[in-house]
Amino acid sequence: ADPGELEWLGLDELLGDHSLILIEWPERGGSELPAPDLIL
């Protein structure tokens, strides 16, 4: 419901070399999400 809810997911810890992140409904994450390489 609010991008602030993503804080507890630890998204920063998921980022890194050899990490693939697929995000459905990214519009709900707002600026809390990492920038995409590809939008579908």
PDB file of all heavy atoms in Angstrom:
ATOM      1  N   ALA A   1       0.829  -1.208   0.000  1.00  0.00           N
ATOM      2  CA  ALA A   1       0.000   0.000   0.000  1.00  0.00           C
ATOM      3  C   ALA A   1       0.862   1.257   0.000  1.00  0.00           C
ATOM      4  O   ALA A   1       0.443   2.306  -0.483  1.00  0.00           O
ATOM      5  CB  ALA A   1      -0.929  -0.003   1.213  1.00  0.00           C
ATOM      6  N   ASP A   2       2.076   1.144   0.534  1.00  0.00           N
ATOM      7  CA  ASP A   2       2.960   2.304   0.658  1.00  0.00           C
ATOM      8  C   ASP A   2       4.399   1.850   0.417  1.00  0.00           C
ATOM      9  O   ASP A   2       4.811   0.817   0.950  1.00  0.00           O
ATOM     10  CB  ASP A   2       2.825   2.898   2.062  1.00  0.00           C
ATOM     11  CG  ASP A   2       3.695   4.112   2.245  1.00  0.00           C
ATOM     12  OD1 ASP A   2       3.228   5.225   1.938  1.00  0.00           O
ATOM     13  OD2 ASP A   2       4.852   3.950   2.685  1.00  0.00           O
ATOM     14  N   PRO A   3       5.161   2.602  -0.383  1.00  0.00           N
ATOM     15  CA  PRO A   3       6.544   2.195  -0.656  1.00  0.00           C
ATOM     16  C   PRO A   3       7.392   2.002   0.603  1.00  0.00           C
ATOM     17  O   PRO A   3       8.325   1.200   0.610  1.00  0.00           O
ATOM     18  CB  PRO A   3       7.096   3.341  -1.508  1.00  0.00           C
ATOM     19  CG  PRO A   3       5.902   3.938  -2.163  1.00  0.00           C
ATOM     20  CD  PRO A   3       4.790   3.799  -1.156  1.00  0.00           C
ATOM     21  N   GLY A   4       7.054   2.682   1.683  1.00  0.00           N
ATOM     22  CA  GLY A   4       7.797   2.528   2.930  1.00  0.00           C
ATOM     23  C   GLY A   4       7.752   1.114   3.481  1.00  0.00           C
ATOM     24  O   GLY A   4       8.621   0.708   4.253  1.00  0.00           O
ATOM     25  N   GLU A   5       6.735   0.345   3.078  1.00  0.00           N
ATOM     26  CA  GLU A   5       6.610  -1.037   3.536  1.00  0.00           C
ATOM     27  C   GLU A   5       7.749  -1.913   3.009  1.00  0.00           C
ATOM     28  O   GLU A   5       7.984  -3.004   3.527  1.00  0.00           O
ATOM     29  CB  GLU A   5       5.280  -1.625   3.089  1.00  0.00           C
ATOM     30  CG  GLU A   5       4.062  -0.967   3.710  1.00  0.00           C
ATOM     31  CD  GLU A   5       2.769  -1.549   3.178  1.00  0.00           C
ATOM     32  OE1 GLU A   5       2.688  -2.779   2.983  1.00  0.00           O
ATOM     33  OE2 GLU A   5       1.834  -0.762   2.957  1.00  0.00           O
ATOM     34  N   LEU A   6       8.441  -1.449   1.993  1.00  0.00           N
ATOM     35  CA  LEU A   6       9.518  -2.252   1.406  1.00  0.00           C
ATOM     36  C   LEU A   6      10.785  -2.261   2.256  1.00  0.00           C
ATOM     37  O   LEU A   6      11.653  -3.104   2.062  1.00  0.00           O
ATOM     38  CB  LEU A   6       9.860  -1.726   0.010  1.00  0.00           C
ATOM     39  CG  LEU A   6       8.753  -1.848  -1.024  1.00  0.00           C
ATOM     40  CD1 LEU A   6       9.188  -1.229  -2.334  1.00  0.00           C
ATOM     41  CD2 LEU A   6       8.374  -3.294  -1.224  1.00  0.00           C
ATOM     42  N   GLU A   7      10.877  -1.351   3.189  1.00  0.00           N
ATOM     43  CA  GLU A   7      12.095  -1.232   3.987  1.00  0.00           C
ATOM     44  C   GLU A   7      12.501  -2.552   4.636  1.00  0.00           C
ATOM     45  O   GLU A   7      13.669  -2.932   4.641  1.00  0.00           O
ATOM     46  CB  GLU A   7      11.911  -0.157   5.058  1.00  0.00           C
ATOM     47  CG  GLU A   7      13.170   0.110   5.843  1.00  0.00           C
ATOM     48  CD  GLU A   7      12.977   1.242   6.826  1.00  0.00           C
ATOM     49  OE1 GLU A   7      12.220   2.182   6.549  1.00  0.00           O
ATOM     50  OE2 GLU A   7      13.598   1.164   7.892  1.00  0.00           O
ATOM     51  N   TRP A   8      11.529  -3.288   5.142  1.00  0.00           N
ATOM     52  CA  TRP A   8      11.851  -4.525   5.844  1.00  0.00           C
ATOM     53  C   TRP A   8      12.280  -5.656   4.909  1.00  0.00           C
ATOM     54  O   TRP A   8      12.791  -6.678   5.345  1.00  0.00           O
ATOM     55  CB  TRP A   8      10.683  -4.973   6.717  1.00  0.00           C
ATOM     56  CG  TRP A   8       9.468  -5.392   5.954  1.00  0.00           C
ATOM     57  CD1 TRP A   8       8.443  -4.605   5.545  1.00  0.00           C
ATOM     58  CD2 TRP A   8       9.170  -6.704   5.472  1.00  0.00           C
ATOM     59  NE1 TRP A   8       7.515  -5.335   4.846  1.00  0.00           N
ATOM     60  CE2 TRP A   8       7.939  -6.638   4.786  1.00  0.00           C
ATOM     61  CE3 TRP A   8       9.813  -7.933   5.545  1.00  0.00           C
ATOM     62  CZ2 TRP A   8       7.355  -7.743   4.186  1.00  0.00           C
ATOM     63  CZ3 TRP A   8       9.219  -9.032   4.945  1.00  0.00           C
ATOM     64  CH2 TRP A   8       8.006  -8.934   4.280  1.00  0.00           C
ATOM     65  N   LEU A   9      12.088  -5.501   3.598  1.00  0.00           N
ATOM     66  CA  LEU A   9      12.500  -6.545   2.655  1.00  0.00           C
ATOM     67  C   LEU A   9      14.018  -6.627   2.486  1.00  0.00           C
ATOM     68  O   LEU A   9      14.527  -7.632   2.031  1.00  0.00           O
ATOM     69  CB  LEU A   9      11.873  -6.315   1.277  1.00  0.00           C
ATOM     70  CG  LEU A   9      10.448  -6.755   1.068  1.00  0.00           C
ATOM     71  CD1 LEU A   9      10.008  -6.458  -0.351  1.00  0.00           C
ATOM     72  CD2 LEU A   9      10.266  -8.226   1.367  1.00  0.00           C
ATOM     73  N   GLY A  10      14.718  -5.562   2.819  1.00  0.00           N
ATOM     74  CA  GLY A  10      16.170  -5.561   2.666  1.00  0.00           C
ATOM     75  C   GLY A  10      16.611  -5.563   1.216  1.00  0.00           C
ATOM     76  O   GLY A  10      17.525  -6.304   0.835  1.00  0.00           O
ATOM     77  N   LEU A  11      15.971  -4.736   0.393  1.00  0.00           N
ATOM     78  CA  LEU A  11      16.298  -4.701  -1.033  1.00  0.00           C
ATOM     79  C   LEU A  11      17.770  -4.419  -1.299  1.00  0.00           C
ATOM     80  O   LEU A  11      18.346  -4.976  -2.225  1.00  0.00           O
ATOM     81  CB  LEU A  11      15.436  -3.665  -1.751  1.00  0.00           C
ATOM     82  CG  LEU A  11      13.966  -4.012  -1.903  1.00  0.00           C
ATOM     83  CD1 LEU A  11      13.219  -2.862  -2.545  1.00  0.00           C
ATOM     84  CD2 LEU A  11      13.792  -5.276  -2.710  1.00  0.00           C
ATOM     85  N   ASP A  12      18.372  -3.572  -0.482  1.00  0.00           N
ATOM     86  CA  ASP A  12      19.791  -3.250  -0.690  1.00  0.00           C
ATOM     87  C   ASP A  12      20.667  -4.494  -0.614  1.00  0.00           C
ATOM     88  O   ASP A  12      21.669  -4.606  -1.309  1.00  0.00           O
ATOM     89  CB  ASP A  12      20.275  -2.221   0.334  1.00  0.00           C
ATOM     90  CG  ASP A  12      19.658  -0.850   0.115  1.00  0.00           C
ATOM     91  OD1 ASP A  12      19.143  -0.603  -1.000  1.00  0.00           O
ATOM     92  OD2 ASP A  12      19.678  -0.039   1.047  1.00  0.00           O
ATOM     93  N   GLU A  13      20.278  -5.428   0.239  1.00  0.00           N
ATOM     94  CA  GLU A  13      21.048  -6.658   0.400  1.00  0.00           C
ATOM     95  C   GLU A  13      20.897  -7.599  -0.794  1.00  0.00           C
ATOM     96  O   GLU A  13      21.725  -8.481  -1.001  1.00  0.00           O
ATOM     97  CB  GLU A  13      20.625  -7.374   1.681  1.00  0.00           C
ATOM     98  CG  GLU A  13      20.918  -6.564   2.925  1.00  0.00           C
ATOM     99  CD  GLU A  13      20.282  -7.164   4.164  1.00  0.00           C
ATOM    100  OE1 GLU A  13      19.885  -8.348   4.130  1.00  0.00           O
ATOM    101  OE2 GLU A  13      20.189  -6.444   5.164  1.00  0.00           O
ATOM    102  N   LEU A  14      19.836  -7.412  -1.584  1.00  0.00           N
ATOM    103  CA  LEU A  14      19.601  -8.266  -2.745  1.00  0.00           C
ATOM    104  C   LEU A  14      20.422  -7.829  -3.953  1.00  0.00           C
ATOM    105  O   LEU A  14      20.652  -8.615  -4.860  1.00  0.00           O
ATOM    106  CB  LEU A  14      18.113  -8.261  -3.130  1.00  0.00           C
ATOM    107  CG  LEU A  14      17.122  -8.667  -2.054  1.00  0.00           C
ATOM    108  CD1 LEU A  14      15.702  -8.583  -2.605  1.00  0.00           C
ATOM    109  CD2 LEU A  14      17.414 -10.047  -1.524  1.00  0.00           C
ATOM    110  N   LEU A  15      20.820  -6.564  -3.966  1.00  0.00           N
ATOM    111  CA  LEU A  15      21.557  -6.026  -5.093  1.00  0.00           C
ATOM    112  C   LEU A  15      22.997  -6.495  -5.060  1.00  0.00           C
ATOM    113  O   LEU A  15      23.580  -6.676  -4.006  1.00  0.00           O
ATOM    114  CB  LEU A  15      21.522  -4.498  -5.063  1.00  0.00           C
ATOM    115  CG  LEU A  15      20.146  -3.858  -5.120  1.00  0.00           C
ATOM    116  CD1 LEU A  15      20.250  -2.363  -4.885  1.00  0.00           C
ATOM    117  CD2 LEU A  15      19.488  -4.145  -6.449  1.00  0.00           C
ATOM    118  N   GLY A  16      23.571  -6.663  -6.214  1.00  0.00           N
ATOM    119  CA  GLY A  16      24.972  -7.034  -6.276  1.00  0.00           C
ATOM    120  C   GLY A  16      25.282  -7.776  -7.556  1.00  0.00           C
ATOM    121  O   GLY A  16      24.398  -8.067  -8.361  1.00  0.00           O
ATOM    122  N   ASP A  17      26.553  -8.058  -7.722  1.00  0.00           N
ATOM    123  CA  ASP A  17      26.967  -8.825  -8.883  1.00  0.00           C
ATOM    124  C   ASP A  17      26.257 -10.175  -8.872  1.00  0.00           C
ATOM    125  O   ASP A  17      26.083 -10.789  -7.815  1.00  0.00           O
ATOM    126  CB  ASP A  17      28.480  -9.050  -8.865  1.00  0.00           C
ATOM    127  CG  ASP A  17      29.247  -7.751  -9.055  1.00  0.00           C
ATOM    128  OD1 ASP A  17      28.668  -6.780  -9.564  1.00  0.00           O
ATOM    129  OD2 ASP A  17      30.439  -7.724  -8.676  1.00  0.00           O
ATOM    130  N   HIS A  18      25.864 -10.610 -10.028  1.00  0.00           N
ATOM    131  CA  HIS A  18      25.202 -11.903 -10.201  1.00  0.00           C
ATOM    132  C   HIS A  18      23.883 -12.000  -9.434  1.00  0.00           C
ATOM    133  O   HIS A  18      23.536 -13.067  -8.936  1.00  0.00           O
ATOM    134  CB  HIS A  18      26.143 -13.047  -9.834  1.00  0.00           C
ATOM    135  CG  HIS A  18      27.387 -13.053 -10.648  1.00  0.00           C
ATOM    136  ND1 HIS A  18      27.396 -13.369 -11.994  1.00  0.00           N
ATOM    137  CD2 HIS A  18      28.664 -12.746 -10.335  1.00  0.00           C
ATOM    138  CE1 HIS A  18      28.620 -13.260 -12.458  1.00  0.00           C
ATOM    139  NE2 HIS A  18      29.416 -12.888 -11.477  1.00  0.00           N
ATOM    140  N   SER A  19      23.169 -10.879  -9.330  1.00  0.00           N
ATOM    141  CA  SER A  19      21.820 -10.867  -8.757  1.00  0.00           C
ATOM    142  C   SER A  19      20.843 -10.407  -9.826  1.00  0.00           C
ATOM    143  O   SER A  19      21.027  -9.341 -10.413  1.00  0.00           O
ATOM    144  CB  SER A  19      21.727  -9.906  -7.565  1.00  0.00           C
ATOM    145  OG  SER A  19      22.445 -10.399  -6.474  1.00  0.00           O
ATOM    146  N   LEU A  20      19.839 -11.204 -10.060  1.00  0.00           N
ATOM    147  CA  LEU A  20      18.781 -10.852 -10.993  1.00  0.00           C
ATOM    148  C   LEU A  20      17.527 -10.582 -10.176  1.00  0.00           C
ATOM    149  O   LEU A  20      17.117 -11.420  -9.375  1.00  0.00           O
ATOM    150  CB  LEU A  20      18.517 -11.989 -11.983  1.00  0.00           C
ATOM    151  CG  LEU A  20      17.353 -11.780 -12.952  1.00  0.00           C
ATOM    152  CD1 LEU A  20      17.614 -10.580 -13.861  1.00  0.00           C
ATOM    153  CD2 LEU A  20      17.108 -13.029 -13.769  1.00  0.00           C
ATOM    154  N   ILE A  21      16.940  -9.410 -10.376  1.00  0.00           N
ATOM    155  CA  ILE A  21      15.756  -9.025  -9.626  1.00  0.00           C
ATOM    156  C   ILE A  21      14.626  -8.749 -10.608  1.00  0.00           C
ATOM    157  O   ILE A  21      14.749  -7.889 -11.484  1.00  0.00           O
ATOM    158  CB  ILE A  21      16.035  -7.797  -8.734  1.00  0.00           C
ATOM    159  CG1 ILE A  21      17.185  -8.118  -7.775  1.00  0.00           C
ATOM    160  CG2 ILE A  21      14.776  -7.384  -7.981  1.00  0.00           C
ATOM    161  CD1 ILE A  21      17.646  -6.961  -6.936  1.00  0.00           C
ATOM    162  N   LEU A  22      13.530  -9.507 -10.457  1.00  0.00           N
ATOM    163  CA  LEU A  22      12.325  -9.325 -11.265  1.00  0.00           C
ATOM    164  C   LEU A  22      11.275  -8.713 -10.353  1.00  0.00           C
ATOM    165  O   LEU A  22      10.973  -9.273  -9.293  1.00  0.00           O
ATOM    166  CB  LEU A  22      11.804 -10.668 -11.766  1.00  0.00           C
ATOM    167  CG  LEU A  22      12.775 -11.578 -12.498  1.00  0.00           C
ATOM    168  CD1 LEU A  22      12.142 -12.929 -12.755  1.00  0.00           C
ATOM    169  CD2 LEU A  22      13.200 -10.931 -13.787  1.00  0.00           C
ATOM    170  N   ILE A  23      10.697  -7.580 -10.762  1.00  0.00           N
ATOM    171  CA  ILE A  23       9.740  -6.888  -9.901  1.00  0.00           C
ATOM    172  C   ILE A  23       8.424  -6.681 -10.643  1.00  0.00           C
ATOM    173  O   ILE A  23       8.366  -5.934 -11.621  1.00  0.00           O
ATOM    174  CB  ILE A  23      10.285  -5.538  -9.413  1.00  0.00           C
ATOM    175  CG1 ILE A  23      11.634  -5.731  -8.714  1.00  0.00           C
ATOM    176  CG2 ILE A  23       9.269  -4.864  -8.477  1.00  0.00           C
ATOM    177  CD1 ILE A  23      12.341  -4.441  -8.337  1.00  0.00           C
ATOM    178  N   GLU A  24       7.381  -7.367 -10.164  1.00  0.00           N
ATOM    179  CA  GLU A  24       6.031  -7.143 -10.672  1.00  0.00           C
ATOM    180  C   GLU A  24       5.405  -6.012  -9.866  1.00  0.00           C
ATOM    181  O   GLU A  24       5.628  -5.894  -8.670  1.00  0.00           O
ATOM    182  CB  GLU A  24       5.184  -8.405 -10.513  1.00  0.00           C
ATOM    183  CG  GLU A  24       5.673  -9.576 -11.345  1.00  0.00           C
ATOM    184  CD  GLU A  24       4.738 -10.767 -11.260  1.00  0.00           C
ATOM    185  OE1 GLU A  24       3.505 -10.563 -11.322  1.00  0.00           O
ATOM    186  OE2 GLU A  24       5.240 -11.889 -11.118  1.00  0.00           O
ATOM    187  N   TRP A  25       4.608  -5.177 -10.519  1.00  0.00           N
ATOM    188  CA  TRP A  25       3.953  -4.020  -9.911  1.00  0.00           C
ATOM    189  C   TRP A  25       4.968  -3.034  -9.324  1.00  0.00           C
ATOM    190  O   TRP A  25       4.818  -2.562  -8.200  1.00  0.00           O
ATOM    191  CB  TRP A  25       2.944  -4.452  -8.839  1.00  0.00           C
ATOM    192  CG  TRP A  25       1.857  -5.327  -9.346  1.00  0.00           C
ATOM    193  CD1 TRP A  25       1.820  -6.687  -9.309  1.00  0.00           C
ATOM    194  CD2 TRP A  25       0.660  -4.920 -10.019  1.00  0.00           C
ATOM    195  NE1 TRP A  25       0.665  -7.149  -9.903  1.00  0.00           N
ATOM    196  CE2 TRP A  25      -0.066  -6.078 -10.346  1.00  0.00           C
ATOM    197  CE3 TRP A  25       0.134  -3.671 -10.367  1.00  0.00           C
ATOM    198  CZ2 TRP A  25      -1.280  -6.042 -10.997  1.00  0.00           C
ATOM    199  CZ3 TRP A  25      -1.085  -3.641 -11.022  1.00  0.00           C
ATOM    200  CH2 TRP A  25      -1.776  -4.816 -11.331  1.00  0.00           C
ATOM    201  N   PRO A  26       6.027  -2.675 -10.061  1.00  0.00           N
ATOM    202  CA  PRO A  26       7.039  -1.767  -9.518  1.00  0.00           C
ATOM    203  C   PRO A  26       6.501  -0.374  -9.200  1.00  0.00           C
ATOM    204  O   PRO A  26       7.070   0.331  -8.357  1.00  0.00           O
ATOM    205  CB  PRO A  26       8.097  -1.718 -10.617  1.00  0.00           C
ATOM    206  CG  PRO A  26       7.353  -2.061 -11.864  1.00  0.00           C
ATOM    207  CD  PRO A  26       6.307  -3.044 -11.440  1.00  0.00           C
ATOM    208  N   GLU A  27       5.397   0.019  -9.837  1.00  0.00           N
ATOM    209  CA  GLU A  27       4.841   1.337  -9.564  1.00  0.00           C
ATOM    210  C   GLU A  27       4.429   1.485  -8.099  1.00  0.00           C
ATOM    211  O   GLU A  27       4.373   2.593  -7.566  1.00  0.00           O
ATOM    212  CB  GLU A  27       3.665   1.641 -10.499  1.00  0.00           C
ATOM    213  CG  GLU A  27       2.480   0.714 -10.371  1.00  0.00           C
ATOM    214  CD  GLU A  27       2.555  -0.528 -11.245  1.00  0.00           C
ATOM    215  OE1 GLU A  27       3.667  -0.985 -11.608  1.00  0.00           O
ATOM    216  OE2 GLU A  27       1.481  -1.077 -11.557  1.00  0.00           O
ATOM    217  N   ARG A  28       4.200   0.383  -7.415  1.00  0.00           N
ATOM    218  CA  ARG A  28       3.813   0.427  -6.005  1.00  0.00           C
ATOM    219  C   ARG A  28       5.020   0.613  -5.089  1.00  0.00           C
ATOM    220  O   ARG A  28       4.857   0.914  -3.911  1.00  0.00           O
ATOM    221  CB  ARG A  28       3.030  -0.815  -5.630  1.00  0.00           C
ATOM    222  CG  ARG A  28       1.723  -0.868  -6.414  1.00  0.00           C
ATOM    223  CD  ARG A  28       0.877  -2.028  -6.021  1.00  0.00           C
ATOM    224  NE  ARG A  28      -0.321  -2.029  -6.850  1.00  0.00           N
ATOM    225  CZ  ARG A  28      -1.534  -2.107  -6.372  1.00  0.00           C
ATOM    226  NH1 ARG A  28      -1.728  -2.196  -5.082  1.00  0.00           N
ATOM    227  NH2 ARG A  28      -2.565  -2.110  -7.192  1.00  0.00           N
ATOM    228  N   GLY A  29       6.215   0.412  -5.623  1.00  0.00           N
ATOM    229  CA  GLY A  29       7.424   0.571  -4.825  1.00  0.00           C
ATOM    230  C   GLY A  29       8.031   1.956  -4.906  1.00  0.00           C
ATOM    231  O   GLY A  29       8.890   2.312  -4.102  1.00  0.00           O
ATOM    232  N   GLY A  30       7.596   2.740  -5.874  1.00  0.00           N
ATOM    233  CA  GLY A  30       8.079   4.112  -6.012  1.00  0.00           C
ATOM    234  C   GLY A  30       9.587   4.218  -6.038  1.00  0.00           C
ATOM    235  O   GLY A  30      10.289   3.375  -6.599  1.00  0.00           O
ATOM    236  N   SER A  31      10.097   5.237  -5.385  1.00  0.00           N
ATOM    237  CA  SER A  31      11.534   5.522  -5.398  1.00  0.00           C
ATOM    238  C   SER A  31      12.324   4.593  -4.484  1.00  0.00           C
ATOM    239  O   SER A  31      13.551   4.673  -4.428  1.00  0.00           O
ATOM    240  CB  SER A  31      11.790   6.974  -5.009  1.00  0.00           C
ATOM    241  OG  SER A  31      11.347   7.190  -3.679  1.00  0.00           O
ATOM    242  N   GLU A  32      11.636   3.690  -3.786  1.00  0.00           N
ATOM    243  CA  GLU A  32      12.328   2.741  -2.912  1.00  0.00           C
ATOM    244  C   GLU A  32      12.994   1.617  -3.708  1.00  0.00           C
ATOM    245  O   GLU A  32      13.801   0.873  -3.164  1.00  0.00           O
ATOM    246  CB  GLU A  32      11.339   2.128  -1.907  1.00  0.00           C
ATOM    247  CG  GLU A  32      10.692   3.130  -0.974  1.00  0.00           C
ATOM    248  CD  GLU A  32      11.685   3.803  -0.059  1.00  0.00           C
ATOM    249  OE1 GLU A  32      12.581   3.114   0.473  1.00  0.00           O
ATOM    250  OE2 GLU A  32      11.571   5.029   0.111  1.00  0.00           O
ATOM    251  N   LEU A  33      12.637   1.495  -4.981  1.00  0.00           N
ATOM    252  CA  LEU A  33      13.157   0.406  -5.802  1.00  0.00           C
ATOM    253  C   LEU A  33      14.414   0.819  -6.558  1.00  0.00           C
ATOM    254  O   LEU A  33      14.573   1.982  -6.938  1.00  0.00           O
ATOM    255  CB  LEU A  33      12.101  -0.036  -6.819  1.00  0.00           C
ATOM    256  CG  LEU A  33      10.852  -0.666  -6.247  1.00  0.00           C
ATOM    257  CD1 LEU A  33       9.867  -0.994  -7.365  1.00  0.00           C
ATOM    258  CD2 LEU A  33      11.187  -1.918  -5.462  1.00  0.00           C
ATOM    259  N   PRO A  34      15.278  -0.151  -6.828  1.00  0.00           N
ATOM    260  CA  PRO A  34      16.438   0.137  -7.677  1.00  0.00           C
ATOM    261  C   PRO A  34      15.987   0.385  -9.114  1.00  0.00           C
ATOM    262  O   PRO A  34      14.965  -0.140  -9.561  1.00  0.00           O
ATOM    263  CB  PRO A  34      17.278  -1.141  -7.570  1.00  0.00           C
ATOM    264  CG  PRO A  34      16.308  -2.209  -7.178  1.00  0.00           C
ATOM    265  CD  PRO A  34      15.239  -1.537  -6.369  1.00  0.00           C
ATOM    266  N   ALA A  35      16.736   1.202  -9.812  1.00  0.00           N
ATOM    267  CA  ALA A  35      16.418   1.511 -11.214  1.00  0.00           C
ATOM    268  C   ALA A  35      16.539   0.247 -12.057  1.00  0.00           C
ATOM    269  O   ALA A  35      17.458  -0.557 -11.861  1.00  0.00           O
ATOM    270  CB  ALA A  35      17.356   2.582 -11.738  1.00  0.00           C
ATOM    271  N   PRO A  36      15.622   0.074 -12.994  1.00  0.00           N
ATOM    272  CA  PRO A  36      15.670  -1.134 -13.833  1.00  0.00           C
ATOM    273  C   PRO A  36      16.655  -1.007 -14.988  1.00  0.00           C
ATOM    274  O   PRO A  36      16.957   0.090 -15.453  1.00  0.00           O
ATOM    275  CB  PRO A  36      14.248  -1.229 -14.365  1.00  0.00           C
ATOM    276  CG  PRO A  36      13.809   0.195 -14.470  1.00  0.00           C
ATOM    277  CD  PRO A  36      14.439   0.887 -13.286  1.00  0.00           C
ATOM    278  N   ASP A  37      17.127  -2.155 -15.439  1.00  0.00           N
ATOM    279  CA  ASP A  37      17.877  -2.229 -16.690  1.00  0.00           C
ATOM    280  C   ASP A  37      16.903  -2.361 -17.852  1.00  0.00           C
ATOM    281  O   ASP A  37      17.183  -1.918 -18.958  1.00  0.00           O
ATOM    282  CB  ASP A  37      18.815  -3.446 -16.680  1.00  0.00           C
ATOM    283  CG  ASP A  37      19.890  -3.312 -15.624  1.00  0.00           C
ATOM    284  OD1 ASP A  37      20.714  -2.397 -15.742  1.00  0.00           O
ATOM    285  OD2 ASP A  37      19.882  -4.114 -14.668  1.00  0.00           O
ATOM    286  N   LEU A  38      15.759  -2.987 -17.571  1.00  0.00           N
ATOM    287  CA  LEU A  38      14.773  -3.256 -18.614  1.00  0.00           C
ATOM    288  C   LEU A  38      13.374  -3.134 -18.019  1.00  0.00           C
ATOM    289  O   LEU A  38      13.128  -3.604 -16.913  1.00  0.00           O
ATOM    290  CB  LEU A  38      14.978  -4.683 -19.149  1.00  0.00           C
ATOM    291  CG  LEU A  38      14.331  -5.063 -20.466  1.00  0.00           C
ATOM    292  CD1 LEU A  38      14.935  -4.274 -21.618  1.00  0.00           C
ATOM    293  CD2 LEU A  38      14.499  -6.551 -20.721  1.00  0.00           C
ATOM    294  N   ILE A  39      12.493  -2.477 -18.764  1.00  0.00           N
ATOM    295  CA  ILE A  39      11.082  -2.394 -18.396  1.00  0.00           C
ATOM    296  C   ILE A  39      10.295  -3.187 -19.426  1.00  0.00           C
ATOM    297  O   ILE A  39      10.481  -3.008 -20.629  1.00  0.00           O
ATOM    298  CB  ILE A  39      10.584  -0.935 -18.377  1.00  0.00           C
ATOM    299  CG1 ILE A  39      11.206  -0.177 -17.205  1.00  0.00           C
ATOM    300  CG2 ILE A  39       9.056  -0.883 -18.293  1.00  0.00           C
ATOM    301  CD1 ILE A  39      10.837   1.286 -17.151  1.00  0.00           C
ATOM    302  N   LEU A  40       9.414  -4.047 -18.932  1.00  0.00           N
ATOM    303  CA  LEU A  40       8.496  -4.789 -19.787  1.00  0.00           C
ATOM    304  C   LEU A  40       7.080  -4.367 -19.429  1.00  0.00           C
ATOM    305  O   LEU A  40       6.688  -4.454 -18.264  1.00  0.00           O
ATOM    306  CB  LEU A  40       8.639  -6.297 -19.584  1.00  0.00           C
ATOM    307  CG  LEU A  40      10.014  -6.893 -19.841  1.00  0.00           C
ATOM    308  CD1 LEU A  40      10.004  -8.384 -19.568  1.00  0.00           C
ATOM    309  CD2 LEU A  40      10.465  -6.625 -21.250  1.00  0.00           C
TER     310      LEU A  40
END
